[in-house]
Amino acid sequence: MIPVVRGLAAEGVVVSVDTMRATVAEQAIAAGAVLVNDVSGGLADPAMVPVVAAAAIPFVVMHWRGFSHDMNSPAVYEDVVREVSSEL
């Protein structure tokens, strides 16, 4: 992935990386990624927020209900808009 990020960035393409792992984000940023999308919002890897903050690039925080192996169990809503807003 890193050679692709590096190549695209060198051509002037705006590169966003989707990852929950700080080491991946750090390598992608070093290769030229200018945005990190972490569906866990930094909850899956405590090193993520410091890595993105140090790079001073946008960090997309998503609504996350856990890792894929158990994320469907809490996906029951009475009022989806209110509950997602509250979690965010």
PDB file of N, CA and C in Angstrom:
ATOM      1  N   MET A   1       0.811  -1.183   0.000  1.00  0.00           N
ATOM      2  CA  MET A   1       0.000   0.000   0.000  1.00  0.00           C
ATOM      3  C   MET A   1       0.863   1.260   0.000  1.00  0.00           C
ATOM      4  N   ILE A   2       1.924   1.279   0.755  1.00  0.00           N
ATOM      5  CA  ILE A   2       2.753   2.474   0.893  1.00  0.00           C
ATOM      6  C   ILE A   2       3.334   2.930  -0.454  1.00  0.00           C
ATOM      7  N   PRO A   3       3.851   2.028  -1.301  1.00  0.00           N
ATOM      8  CA  PRO A   3       4.325   2.487  -2.609  1.00  0.00           C
ATOM      9  C   PRO A   3       3.218   3.140  -3.448  1.00  0.00           C
ATOM     10  N   VAL A   4       1.996   2.652  -3.317  1.00  0.00           N
ATOM     11  CA  VAL A   4       0.874   3.243  -4.055  1.00  0.00           C
ATOM     12  C   VAL A   4       0.580   4.637  -3.524  1.00  0.00           C
ATOM     13  N   VAL A   5       0.545   4.791  -2.207  1.00  0.00           N
ATOM     14  CA  VAL A   5       0.328   6.106  -1.606  1.00  0.00           C
ATOM     15  C   VAL A   5       1.421   7.067  -2.057  1.00  0.00           C
ATOM     16  N   ARG A   6       2.647   6.631  -1.981  1.00  0.00           N
ATOM     17  CA  ARG A   6       3.782   7.470  -2.372  1.00  0.00           C
ATOM     18  C   ARG A   6       3.665   7.891  -3.844  1.00  0.00           C
ATOM     19  N   GLY A   7       3.339   6.936  -4.703  1.00  0.00           N
ATOM     20  CA  GLY A   7       3.222   7.233  -6.131  1.00  0.00           C
ATOM     21  C   GLY A   7       2.093   8.198  -6.438  1.00  0.00           C
ATOM     22  N   LEU A   8       0.940   7.972  -5.841  1.00  0.00           N
ATOM     23  CA  LEU A   8      -0.201   8.862  -6.066  1.00  0.00           C
ATOM     24  C   LEU A   8       0.082  10.263  -5.544  1.00  0.00           C
ATOM     25  N   ALA A   9       0.637  10.353  -4.342  1.00  0.00           N
ATOM     26  CA  ALA A   9       0.953  11.660  -3.764  1.00  0.00           C
ATOM     27  C   ALA A   9       1.968  12.410  -4.621  1.00  0.00           C
ATOM     28  N   ALA A  10       2.932  11.688  -5.162  1.00  0.00           N
ATOM     29  CA  ALA A  10       3.943  12.315  -6.025  1.00  0.00           C
ATOM     30  C   ALA A  10       3.326  12.890  -7.292  1.00  0.00           C
ATOM     31  N   GLU A  11       2.197  12.329  -7.713  1.00  0.00           N
ATOM     32  CA  GLU A  11       1.491  12.824  -8.901  1.00  0.00           C
ATOM     33  C   GLU A  11       0.487  13.933  -8.564  1.00  0.00           C
ATOM     34  N   GLY A  12       0.432  14.324  -7.297  1.00  0.00           N
ATOM     35  CA  GLY A  12      -0.459  15.397  -6.885  1.00  0.00           C
ATOM     36  C   GLY A  12      -1.856  14.949  -6.482  1.00  0.00           C
ATOM     37  N   VAL A  13      -2.057  13.647  -6.362  1.00  0.00           N
ATOM     38  CA  VAL A  13      -3.355  13.125  -5.958  1.00  0.00           C
ATOM     39  C   VAL A  13      -3.513  13.286  -4.445  1.00  0.00           C
ATOM     40  N   VAL A  14      -4.664  13.739  -4.020  1.00  0.00           N
ATOM     41  CA  VAL A  14      -4.966  13.841  -2.590  1.00  0.00           C
ATOM     42  C   VAL A  14      -5.279  12.431  -2.103  1.00  0.00           C
ATOM     43  N   VAL A  15      -4.492  11.946  -1.156  1.00  0.00           N
ATOM     44  CA  VAL A  15      -4.629  10.565  -0.694  1.00  0.00           C
ATOM     45  C   VAL A  15      -5.161  10.544   0.736  1.00  0.00           C
ATOM     46  N   SER A  16      -6.228   9.753   0.928  1.00  0.00           N
ATOM     47  CA  SER A  16      -6.780   9.478   2.242  1.00  0.00           C
ATOM     48  C   SER A  16      -6.533   8.009   2.540  1.00  0.00           C
ATOM     49  N   VAL A  17      -6.195   7.704   3.782  1.00  0.00           N
ATOM     50  CA  VAL A  17      -5.980   6.310   4.171  1.00  0.00           C
ATOM     51  C   VAL A  17      -7.044   5.929   5.194  1.00  0.00           C
ATOM     52  N   ASP A  18      -7.652   4.759   4.999  1.00  0.00           N
ATOM     53  CA  ASP A  18      -8.635   4.219   5.937  1.00  0.00           C
ATOM     54  C   ASP A  18      -7.954   3.136   6.761  1.00  0.00           C
ATOM     55  N   THR A  19      -7.786   3.387   8.042  1.00  0.00           N
ATOM     56  CA  THR A  19      -7.130   2.415   8.920  1.00  0.00           C
ATOM     57  C   THR A  19      -7.491   2.690  10.363  1.00  0.00           C
ATOM     58  N   MET A  20      -7.438   1.644  11.176  1.00  0.00           N
ATOM     59  CA  MET A  20      -7.600   1.789  12.617  1.00  0.00           C
ATOM     60  C   MET A  20      -6.259   1.588  13.322  1.00  0.00           C
ATOM     61  N   ARG A  21      -5.190   1.457  12.561  1.00  0.00           N
ATOM     62  CA  ARG A  21      -3.870   1.179  13.136  1.00  0.00           C
ATOM     63  C   ARG A  21      -2.948   2.380  12.971  1.00  0.00           C
ATOM     64  N   ALA A  22      -2.421   2.849  14.086  1.00  0.00           N
ATOM     65  CA  ALA A  22      -1.560   4.031  14.073  1.00  0.00           C
ATOM     66  C   ALA A  22      -0.301   3.813  13.250  1.00  0.00           C
ATOM     67  N   THR A  23       0.273   2.613  13.282  1.00  0.00           N
ATOM     68  CA  THR A  23       1.499   2.372  12.510  1.00  0.00           C
ATOM     69  C   THR A  23       1.235   2.492  11.017  1.00  0.00           C
ATOM     70  N   VAL A  24       0.077   2.023  10.574  1.00  0.00           N
ATOM     71  CA  VAL A  24      -0.287   2.148   9.155  1.00  0.00           C
ATOM     72  C   VAL A  24      -0.492   3.619   8.806  1.00  0.00           C
ATOM     73  N   ALA A  25      -1.212   4.339   9.666  1.00  0.00           N
ATOM     74  CA  ALA A  25      -1.439   5.768   9.422  1.00  0.00           C
ATOM     75  C   ALA A  25      -0.120   6.525   9.354  1.00  0.00           C
ATOM     76  N   GLU A  26       0.776   6.228  10.280  1.00  0.00           N
ATOM     77  CA  GLU A  26       2.067   6.914  10.323  1.00  0.00           C
ATOM     78  C   GLU A  26       2.859   6.684   9.037  1.00  0.00           C
ATOM     79  N   GLN A  27       2.888   5.454   8.568  1.00  0.00           N
ATOM     80  CA  GLN A  27       3.607   5.142   7.329  1.00  0.00           C
ATOM     81  C   GLN A  27       2.940   5.809   6.127  1.00  0.00           C
ATOM     82  N   ALA A  28       1.608   5.791   6.089  1.00  0.00           N
ATOM     83  CA  ALA A  28       0.890   6.412   4.968  1.00  0.00           C
ATOM     84  C   ALA A  28       1.095   7.919   4.952  1.00  0.00           C
ATOM     85  N   ILE A  29       1.084   8.537   6.121  1.00  0.00           N
ATOM     86  CA  ILE A  29       1.323   9.984   6.210  1.00  0.00           C
ATOM     87  C   ILE A  29       2.732  10.308   5.717  1.00  0.00           C
ATOM     88  N   ALA A  30       3.694   9.522   6.137  1.00  0.00           N
ATOM     89  CA  ALA A  30       5.074   9.735   5.690  1.00  0.00           C
ATOM     90  C   ALA A  30       5.198   9.575   4.184  1.00  0.00           C
ATOM     91  N   ALA A  31       4.337   8.741   3.601  1.00  0.00           N
ATOM     92  CA  ALA A  31       4.371   8.513   2.153  1.00  0.00           C
ATOM     93  C   ALA A  31       3.566   9.552   1.379  1.00  0.00           C
ATOM     94  N   GLY A  32       2.821  10.409   2.096  1.00  0.00           N
ATOM     95  CA  GLY A  32       2.109  11.486   1.420  1.00  0.00           C
ATOM     96  C   GLY A  32       0.609  11.546   1.631  1.00  0.00           C
ATOM     97  N   ALA A  33       0.029  10.646   2.410  1.00  0.00           N
ATOM     98  CA  ALA A  33      -1.401  10.732   2.703  1.00  0.00           C
ATOM     99  C   ALA A  33      -1.680  12.010   3.476  1.00  0.00           C
ATOM    100  N   VAL A  34      -2.795  12.665   3.179  1.00  0.00           N
ATOM    101  CA  VAL A  34      -3.104  13.940   3.814  1.00  0.00           C
ATOM    102  C   VAL A  34      -4.397  13.908   4.628  1.00  0.00           C
ATOM    103  N   LEU A  35      -4.971  12.725   4.796  1.00  0.00           N
ATOM    104  CA  LEU A  35      -6.177  12.572   5.594  1.00  0.00           C
ATOM    105  C   LEU A  35      -6.228  11.149   6.124  1.00  0.00           C
ATOM    106  N   VAL A  36      -6.628  10.984   7.377  1.00  0.00           N
ATOM    107  CA  VAL A  36      -6.785   9.657   7.965  1.00  0.00           C
ATOM    108  C   VAL A  36      -8.241   9.468   8.345  1.00  0.00           C
ATOM    109  N   ASN A  37      -8.836   8.379   7.885  1.00  0.00           N
ATOM    110  CA  ASN A  37     -10.194   7.994   8.234  1.00  0.00           C
ATOM    111  C   ASN A  37     -10.105   6.750   9.110  1.00  0.00           C
ATOM    112  N   ASP A  38     -10.430   6.902  10.367  1.00  0.00           N
ATOM    113  CA  ASP A  38     -10.390   5.795  11.325  1.00  0.00           C
ATOM    114  C   ASP A  38     -11.810   5.552  11.813  1.00  0.00           C
ATOM    115  N   VAL A  39     -12.421   4.449  11.384  1.00  0.00           N
ATOM    116  CA  VAL A  39     -13.807   4.185  11.756  1.00  0.00           C
ATOM    117  C   VAL A  39     -13.993   4.053  13.260  1.00  0.00           C
ATOM    118  N   SER A  40     -12.913   3.809  13.995  1.00  0.00           N
ATOM    119  CA  SER A  40     -13.030   3.697  15.448  1.00  0.00           C
ATOM    120  C   SER A  40     -12.860   5.049  16.137  1.00  0.00           C
ATOM    121  N   GLY A  41     -12.498   6.069  15.398  1.00  0.00           N
ATOM    122  CA  GLY A  41     -12.289   7.377  15.997  1.00  0.00           C
ATOM    123  C   GLY A  41     -11.147   7.397  16.999  1.00  0.00           C
ATOM    124  N   GLY A  42     -10.173   6.524  16.797  1.00  0.00           N
ATOM    125  CA  GLY A  42      -9.025   6.457  17.686  1.00  0.00           C
ATOM    126  C   GLY A  42      -9.207   5.507  18.859  1.00  0.00           C
ATOM    127  N   LEU A  43     -10.343   4.833  18.938  1.00  0.00           N
ATOM    128  CA  LEU A  43     -10.599   3.933  20.061  1.00  0.00           C
ATOM    129  C   LEU A  43      -9.913   2.576  19.913  1.00  0.00           C
ATOM    130  N   ALA A  44      -9.687   2.131  18.686  1.00  0.00           N
ATOM    131  CA  ALA A  44      -9.075   0.812  18.471  1.00  0.00           C
ATOM    132  C   ALA A  44      -7.583   0.814  18.766  1.00  0.00           C
ATOM    133  N   ASP A  45      -6.935   1.946  18.559  1.00  0.00           N
ATOM    134  CA  ASP A  45      -5.488   2.049  18.778  1.00  0.00           C
ATOM    135  C   ASP A  45      -5.208   3.379  19.464  1.00  0.00           C
ATOM    136  N   PRO A  46      -4.853   3.360  20.742  1.00  0.00           N
ATOM    137  CA  PRO A  46      -4.644   4.605  21.476  1.00  0.00           C
ATOM    138  C   PRO A  46      -3.533   5.493  20.917  1.00  0.00           C
ATOM    139  N   ALA A  47      -2.679   4.960  20.079  1.00  0.00           N
ATOM    140  CA  ALA A  47      -1.612   5.756  19.482  1.00  0.00           C
ATOM    141  C   ALA A  47      -2.095   6.561  18.269  1.00  0.00           C
ATOM    142  N   MET A  48      -3.309   6.276  17.776  1.00  0.00           N
ATOM    143  CA  MET A  48      -3.785   6.919  16.553  1.00  0.00           C
ATOM    144  C   MET A  48      -3.912   8.433  16.692  1.00  0.00           C
ATOM    145  N   VAL A  49      -4.560   8.904  17.718  1.00  0.00           N
ATOM    146  CA  VAL A  49      -4.784  10.348  17.860  1.00  0.00           C
ATOM    147  C   VAL A  49      -3.461  11.112  17.934  1.00  0.00           C
ATOM    148  N   PRO A  50      -2.491  10.690  18.747  1.00  0.00           N
ATOM    149  CA  PRO A  50      -1.209  11.406  18.747  1.00  0.00           C
ATOM    150  C   PRO A  50      -0.499  11.396  17.383  1.00  0.00           C
ATOM    151  N   VAL A  51      -0.592  10.291  16.652  1.00  0.00           N
ATOM    152  CA  VAL A  51       0.047  10.215  15.330  1.00  0.00           C
ATOM    153  C   VAL A  51      -0.566  11.235  14.380  1.00  0.00           C
ATOM    154  N   VAL A  52      -1.888  11.274  14.330  1.00  0.00           N
ATOM    155  CA  VAL A  52      -2.565  12.204  13.412  1.00  0.00           C
ATOM    156  C   VAL A  52      -2.380  13.644  13.881  1.00  0.00           C
ATOM    157  N   ALA A  53      -2.441  13.870  15.185  1.00  0.00           N
ATOM    158  CA  ALA A  53      -2.247  15.227  15.710  1.00  0.00           C
ATOM    159  C   ALA A  53      -0.852  15.749  15.382  1.00  0.00           C
ATOM    160  N   ALA A  54       0.149  14.896  15.499  1.00  0.00           N
ATOM    161  CA  ALA A  54       1.522  15.306  15.196  1.00  0.00           C
ATOM    162  C   ALA A  54       1.683  15.678  13.730  1.00  0.00           C
ATOM    163  N   ALA A  55       0.921  15.023  12.875  1.00  0.00           N
ATOM    164  CA  ALA A  55       0.999  15.314  11.436  1.00  0.00           C
ATOM    165  C   ALA A  55       0.191  16.548  11.063  1.00  0.00           C
ATOM    166  N   ALA A  56      -0.690  16.980  11.958  1.00  0.00           N
ATOM    167  CA  ALA A  56      -1.532  18.155  11.718  1.00  0.00           C
ATOM    168  C   ALA A  56      -2.331  18.031  10.419  1.00  0.00           C
ATOM    169  N   ILE A  57      -2.946  16.854  10.239  1.00  0.00           N
ATOM    170  CA  ILE A  57      -3.792  16.628   9.071  1.00  0.00           C
ATOM    171  C   ILE A  57      -5.202  16.280   9.540  1.00  0.00           C
ATOM    172  N   PRO A  58      -6.194  16.360   8.647  1.00  0.00           N
ATOM    173  CA  PRO A  58      -7.564  16.019   9.054  1.00  0.00           C
ATOM    174  C   PRO A  58      -7.692  14.569   9.508  1.00  0.00           C
ATOM    175  N   PHE A  59      -8.540  14.383  10.504  1.00  0.00           N
ATOM    176  CA  PHE A  59      -8.814  13.070  11.082  1.00  0.00           C
ATOM    177  C   PHE A  59     -10.319  12.896  11.075  1.00  0.00           C
ATOM    178  N   VAL A  60     -10.811  11.937  10.301  1.00  0.00           N
ATOM    179  CA  VAL A  60     -12.244  11.687  10.212  1.00  0.00           C
ATOM    180  C   VAL A  60     -12.633  10.707  11.310  1.00  0.00           C
ATOM    181  N   VAL A  61     -13.567  11.121  12.140  1.00  0.00           N
ATOM    182  CA  VAL A  61     -14.048  10.286  13.241  1.00  0.00           C
ATOM    183  C   VAL A  61     -15.424   9.763  12.865  1.00  0.00           C
ATOM    184  N   MET A  62     -15.581   8.478  12.971  1.00  0.00           N
ATOM    185  CA  MET A  62     -16.829   7.835  12.566  1.00  0.00           C
ATOM    186  C   MET A  62     -17.597   7.307  13.773  1.00  0.00           C
ATOM    187  N   HIS A  63     -18.833   6.900  13.522  1.00  0.00           N
ATOM    188  CA  HIS A  63     -19.668   6.218  14.516  1.00  0.00           C
ATOM    189  C   HIS A  63     -19.246   4.755  14.518  1.00  0.00           C
ATOM    190  N   TRP A  64     -18.791   4.268  15.650  1.00  0.00           N
ATOM    191  CA  TRP A  64     -18.234   2.911  15.736  1.00  0.00           C
ATOM    192  C   TRP A  64     -18.836   2.178  16.906  1.00  0.00           C
ATOM    193  N   ARG A  65     -19.253   0.958  16.673  1.00  0.00           N
ATOM    194  CA  ARG A  65     -19.862   0.160  17.745  1.00  0.00           C
ATOM    195  C   ARG A  65     -19.022  -1.060  18.071  1.00  0.00           C
ATOM    196  N   GLY A  66     -17.767  -1.069  17.717  1.00  0.00           N
ATOM    197  CA  GLY A  66     -16.889  -2.173  18.082  1.00  0.00           C
ATOM    198  C   GLY A  66     -16.267  -2.856  16.883  1.00  0.00           C
ATOM    199  N   PHE A  67     -15.466  -3.856  17.176  1.00  0.00           N
ATOM    200  CA  PHE A  67     -14.790  -4.615  16.132  1.00  0.00           C
ATOM    201  C   PHE A  67     -15.785  -5.465  15.352  1.00  0.00           C
ATOM    202  N   SER A  68     -15.451  -5.815  14.134  1.00  0.00           N
ATOM    203  CA  SER A  68     -16.386  -6.486  13.233  1.00  0.00           C
ATOM    204  C   SER A  68     -16.942  -7.792  13.782  1.00  0.00           C
ATOM    205  N   HIS A  69     -16.194  -8.498  14.613  1.00  0.00           N
ATOM    206  CA  HIS A  69     -16.693  -9.774  15.117  1.00  0.00           C
ATOM    207  C   HIS A  69     -17.856  -9.630  16.102  1.00  0.00           C
ATOM    208  N   ASP A  70     -18.047  -8.448  16.667  1.00  0.00           N
ATOM    209  CA  ASP A  70     -19.157  -8.285  17.608  1.00  0.00           C
ATOM    210  C   ASP A  70     -19.951  -6.998  17.418  1.00  0.00           C
ATOM    211  N   MET A  71     -19.748  -6.298  16.318  1.00  0.00           N
ATOM    212  CA  MET A  71     -20.388  -5.002  16.142  1.00  0.00           C
ATOM    213  C   MET A  71     -21.883  -5.088  15.860  1.00  0.00           C
ATOM    214  N   ASN A  72     -22.370  -6.224  15.396  1.00  0.00           N
ATOM    215  CA  ASN A  72     -23.793  -6.323  15.095  1.00  0.00           C
ATOM    216  C   ASN A  72     -24.658  -6.523  16.329  1.00  0.00           C
ATOM    217  N   SER A  73     -24.088  -7.078  17.390  1.00  0.00           N
ATOM    218  CA  SER A  73     -24.902  -7.336  18.575  1.00  0.00           C
ATOM    219  C   SER A  73     -25.486  -6.066  19.197  1.00  0.00           C
ATOM    220  N   PRO A  74     -24.758  -4.931  19.254  1.00  0.00           N
ATOM    221  CA  PRO A  74     -25.381  -3.736  19.818  1.00  0.00           C
ATOM    222  C   PRO A  74     -26.098  -2.874  18.775  1.00  0.00           C
ATOM    223  N   ALA A  75     -26.257  -3.377  17.548  1.00  0.00           N
ATOM    224  CA  ALA A  75     -26.855  -2.580  16.470  1.00  0.00           C
ATOM    225  C   ALA A  75     -28.377  -2.667  16.474  1.00  0.00           C
ATOM    226  N   VAL A  76     -28.955  -2.416  17.630  1.00  0.00           N
ATOM    227  CA  VAL A  76     -30.402  -2.374  17.764  1.00  0.00           C
ATOM    228  C   VAL A  76     -30.742  -0.988  18.291  1.00  0.00           C
ATOM    229  N   TYR A  77     -31.561  -0.280  17.544  1.00  0.00           N
ATOM    230  CA  TYR A  77     -31.869   1.107  17.892  1.00  0.00           C
ATOM    231  C   TYR A  77     -33.367   1.288  18.117  1.00  0.00           C
ATOM    232  N   GLU A  78     -33.707   2.124  19.055  1.00  0.00           N
ATOM    233  CA  GLU A  78     -35.089   2.573  19.202  1.00  0.00           C
ATOM    234  C   GLU A  78     -35.280   3.874  18.426  1.00  0.00           C
ATOM    235  N   ASP A  79     -34.270   4.744  18.487  1.00  0.00           N
ATOM    236  CA  ASP A  79     -34.284   6.016  17.762  1.00  0.00           C
ATOM    237  C   ASP A  79     -32.876   6.212  17.206  1.00  0.00           C
ATOM    238  N   VAL A  80     -32.658   5.748  15.985  1.00  0.00           N
ATOM    239  CA  VAL A  80     -31.310   5.684  15.424  1.00  0.00           C
ATOM    240  C   VAL A  80     -30.636   7.056  15.375  1.00  0.00           C
ATOM    241  N   VAL A  81     -31.335   8.095  14.992  1.00  0.00           N
ATOM    242  CA  VAL A  81     -30.722   9.421  14.881  1.00  0.00           C
ATOM    243  C   VAL A  81     -30.282   9.918  16.257  1.00  0.00           C
ATOM    244  N   ARG A  82     -31.151   9.803  17.233  1.00  0.00           N
ATOM    245  CA  ARG A  82     -30.821  10.265  18.579  1.00  0.00           C
ATOM    246  C   ARG A  82     -29.662   9.447  19.172  1.00  0.00           C
ATOM    247  N   GLU A  83     -29.707   8.123  19.012  1.00  0.00           N
ATOM    248  CA  GLU A  83     -28.688   7.274  19.618  1.00  0.00           C
ATOM    249  C   GLU A  83     -27.331   7.443  18.950  1.00  0.00           C
ATOM    250  N   VAL A  84     -27.283   7.542  17.631  1.00  0.00           N
ATOM    251  CA  VAL A  84     -25.993   7.762  16.950  1.00  0.00           C
ATOM    252  C   VAL A  84     -25.458   9.138  17.314  1.00  0.00           C
ATOM    253  N   SER A  85     -26.304  10.143  17.338  1.00  0.00           N
ATOM    254  CA  SER A  85     -25.859  11.496  17.724  1.00  0.00           C
ATOM    255  C   SER A  85     -25.288  11.484  19.129  1.00  0.00           C
ATOM    256  N   SER A  86     -25.938  10.782  20.023  1.00  0.00           N
ATOM    257  CA  SER A  86     -25.461  10.696  21.402  1.00  0.00           C
ATOM    258  C   SER A  86     -24.101  10.022  21.489  1.00  0.00           C
ATOM    259  N   GLU A  87     -23.911   8.951  20.731  1.00  0.00           N
ATOM    260  CA  GLU A  87     -22.635   8.235  20.739  1.00  0.00           C
ATOM    261  C   GLU A  87     -21.506   9.051  20.140  1.00  0.00           C
ATOM    262  N   LEU A  88     -21.837   9.865  19.138  1.00  0.00           N
ATOM    263  CA  LEU A  88     -20.795  10.690  18.534  1.00  0.00           C
ATOM    264  C   LEU A  88     -20.376  11.786  19.494  1.00  0.00           C
TER     265      LEU A  88
END
